[in-house]
C-alpha atoms as a PDB file:
ATOM      1  CA  MET A   1       0.812   8.277   4.308  1.00  0.00           C
ATOM      2  CA  MET A   2      -0.606  11.752   4.924  1.00  0.00           C
ATOM      3  CA  GLU A   3       1.568  13.622   2.417  1.00  0.00           C
ATOM      4  CA  PRO A   4      -0.352  12.468  -0.721  1.00  0.00           C
ATOM      5  CA  ILE A   5      -3.661  13.346   0.927  1.00  0.00           C
ATOM      6  CA  LEU A   6      -2.452  16.816   1.855  1.00  0.00           C
ATOM      7  CA  GLU A   7      -1.060  17.308  -1.649  1.00  0.00           C
ATOM      8  CA  SER A   8      -4.446  16.336  -3.100  1.00  0.00           C
ATOM      9  CA  LEU A   9      -6.196  18.882  -0.843  1.00  0.00           C
ATOM     10  CA  ARG A  10      -3.609  21.518  -1.807  1.00  0.00           C
ATOM     11  CA  GLU A  11      -4.322  20.950  -5.506  1.00  0.00           C
ATOM     12  CA  GLU A  12      -8.100  20.669  -5.143  1.00  0.00           C
ATOM     13  CA  TYR A  13      -8.441  23.846  -3.068  1.00  0.00           C
ATOM     14  CA  GLN A  14      -5.590  25.865  -4.625  1.00  0.00           C
ATOM     15  CA  GLY A  15      -6.160  29.576  -4.131  1.00  0.00           C
ATOM     16  CA  ARG A  16      -8.997  28.935  -1.661  1.00  0.00           C
ATOM     17  CA  MET A  17      -7.305  27.084   1.189  1.00  0.00           C
ATOM     18  CA  ASP A  18      -3.678  26.870   2.292  1.00  0.00           C
ATOM     19  CA  VAL A  19      -2.326  23.391   2.948  1.00  0.00           C
ATOM     20  CA  VAL A  20       1.138  23.303   4.491  1.00  0.00           C
ATOM     21  CA  PHE A  21       3.116  20.122   5.129  1.00  0.00           C
ATOM     22  CA  ILE A  22       6.030  20.224   7.557  1.00  0.00           C
ATOM     23  CA  ASP A  23       8.195  17.118   7.573  1.00  0.00           C
ATOM     24  CA  VAL A  24       9.265  17.007  11.205  1.00  0.00           C
ATOM     25  CA  GLY A  25      11.152  13.806  10.482  1.00  0.00           C
ATOM     26  CA  LYS A  26      13.554  15.883   8.396  1.00  0.00           C
ATOM     27  CA  ASP A  27      13.373  18.949  10.641  1.00  0.00           C
ATOM     28  CA  PRO A  28      12.494  17.941  14.233  1.00  0.00           C
ATOM     29  CA  LYS A  29      12.838  21.531  15.507  1.00  0.00           C
ATOM     30  CA  ALA A  30       9.923  22.520  13.254  1.00  0.00           C
ATOM     31  CA  ALA A  31       7.593  20.589  15.579  1.00  0.00           C
ATOM     32  CA  GLU A  32       8.401  22.681  18.650  1.00  0.00           C
ATOM     33  CA  PRO A  33       6.304  25.807  17.915  1.00  0.00           C
ATOM     34  CA  TYR A  34       3.268  23.578  17.344  1.00  0.00           C
ATOM     35  CA  ALA A  35       3.772  21.292  20.399  1.00  0.00           C
ATOM     36  CA  ILE A  36       3.800  18.223  18.155  1.00  0.00           C
ATOM     37  CA  GLN A  37       4.753  15.130  20.097  1.00  0.00           C
ATOM     38  CA  SER A  38       3.569  12.382  17.730  1.00  0.00           C
ATOM     39  CA  ILE A  39       3.431  11.998  13.988  1.00  0.00           C
ATOM     40  CA  PRO A  40       1.367  12.315  12.014  1.00  0.00           C
ATOM     41  CA  THR A  41      -0.264  15.322  13.643  1.00  0.00           C
ATOM     42  CA  GLN A  42      -2.572  17.567  11.664  1.00  0.00           C
ATOM     43  CA  ILE A  43      -3.463  21.043  12.869  1.00  0.00           C
ATOM     44  CA  TYR A  44      -6.272  22.926  11.175  1.00  0.00           C
ATOM     45  CA  TYR A  45      -6.667  26.694  11.349  1.00  0.00           C
ATOM     46  CA  ASP A  46      -9.439  29.004  10.223  1.00  0.00           C
ATOM     47  CA  ALA A  47      -8.880  32.038   8.006  1.00  0.00           C
ATOM     48  CA  ALA A  48      -8.056  34.171  11.060  1.00  0.00           C
ATOM     49  CA  GLY A  49      -5.259  31.792  12.069  1.00  0.00           C
ATOM     50  CA  THR A  50      -7.098  30.329  15.045  1.00  0.00           C
ATOM     51  CA  GLU A  51      -6.504  26.636  15.640  1.00  0.00           C
ATOM     52  CA  ARG A  52      -9.853  24.911  15.125  1.00  0.00           C
ATOM     53  CA  TRP A  53      -8.949  21.248  15.289  1.00  0.00           C
ATOM     54  CA  ARG A  54      -5.974  19.000  15.979  1.00  0.00           C
ATOM     55  CA  HIS A  55      -5.717  15.304  15.218  1.00  0.00           C
ATOM     56  CA  VAL A  56      -2.968  12.776  15.870  1.00  0.00           C
ATOM     57  CA  GLY A  57      -2.914   9.793  13.509  1.00  0.00           C
ATOM     58  CA  TYR A  58      -3.980   9.034   9.989  1.00  0.00           C
ATOM     59  CA  LEU A  59      -7.028  10.707   8.433  1.00  0.00           C
ATOM     60  CA  SER A  60      -8.468  10.173   4.968  1.00  0.00           C
ATOM     61  CA  GLN A  61      -9.257  13.198   2.816  1.00  0.00           C
ATOM     62  CA  GLU A  62     -12.958  12.622   3.415  1.00  0.00           C
ATOM     63  CA  ASP A  63     -12.418  12.518   7.195  1.00  0.00           C
ATOM     64  CA  ILE A  64     -10.390  15.733   7.064  1.00  0.00           C
ATOM     65  CA  LEU A  65     -13.131  17.575   5.190  1.00  0.00           C
ATOM     66  CA  ALA A  66     -15.845  16.151   7.468  1.00  0.00           C
ATOM     67  CA  GLY A  67     -13.849  17.146  10.549  1.00  0.00           C
ATOM     68  CA  LEU A  68     -13.422  20.692   9.312  1.00  0.00           C
ATOM     69  CA  LEU A  69     -17.149  20.974   8.629  1.00  0.00           C
ATOM     70  CA  ALA A  70     -17.934  19.559  12.082  1.00  0.00           C
ATOM     71  CA  GLU A  71     -15.734  22.279  13.604  1.00  0.00           C
ATOM     72  CA  GLY A  72     -17.726  24.923  11.752  1.00  0.00           C
ATOM     73  CA  VAL A  73     -15.078  25.746   9.172  1.00  0.00           C
ATOM     74  CA  THR A  74     -16.630  26.928   5.927  1.00  0.00           C
ATOM     75  CA  LEU A  75     -14.929  25.129   3.072  1.00  0.00           C
ATOM     76  CA  PRO A  76     -14.298  27.130  -0.071  1.00  0.00           C
ATOM     77  CA  GLU A  77     -16.314  26.187  -3.136  1.00  0.00           C
ATOM     78  CA  LYS A  78     -14.508  24.070  -5.688  1.00  0.00           C
END
């Protein structure tokens, strides 16, 4: 359910924000470096690579953007 939302964000913010989707169902070892224990898990980083926010469960695109703003992440202009 999250993949289409992340793809939409990737397209909408192309060149201004990186959106990376890792399918840990296909590659369970990929979850280890991120300490993912449940899916879906979203991890949000700022431009410096610092984790700003982590959420387990479904989030709409609007909730993702609102969560980033609440964490003080400056979203790039469209």
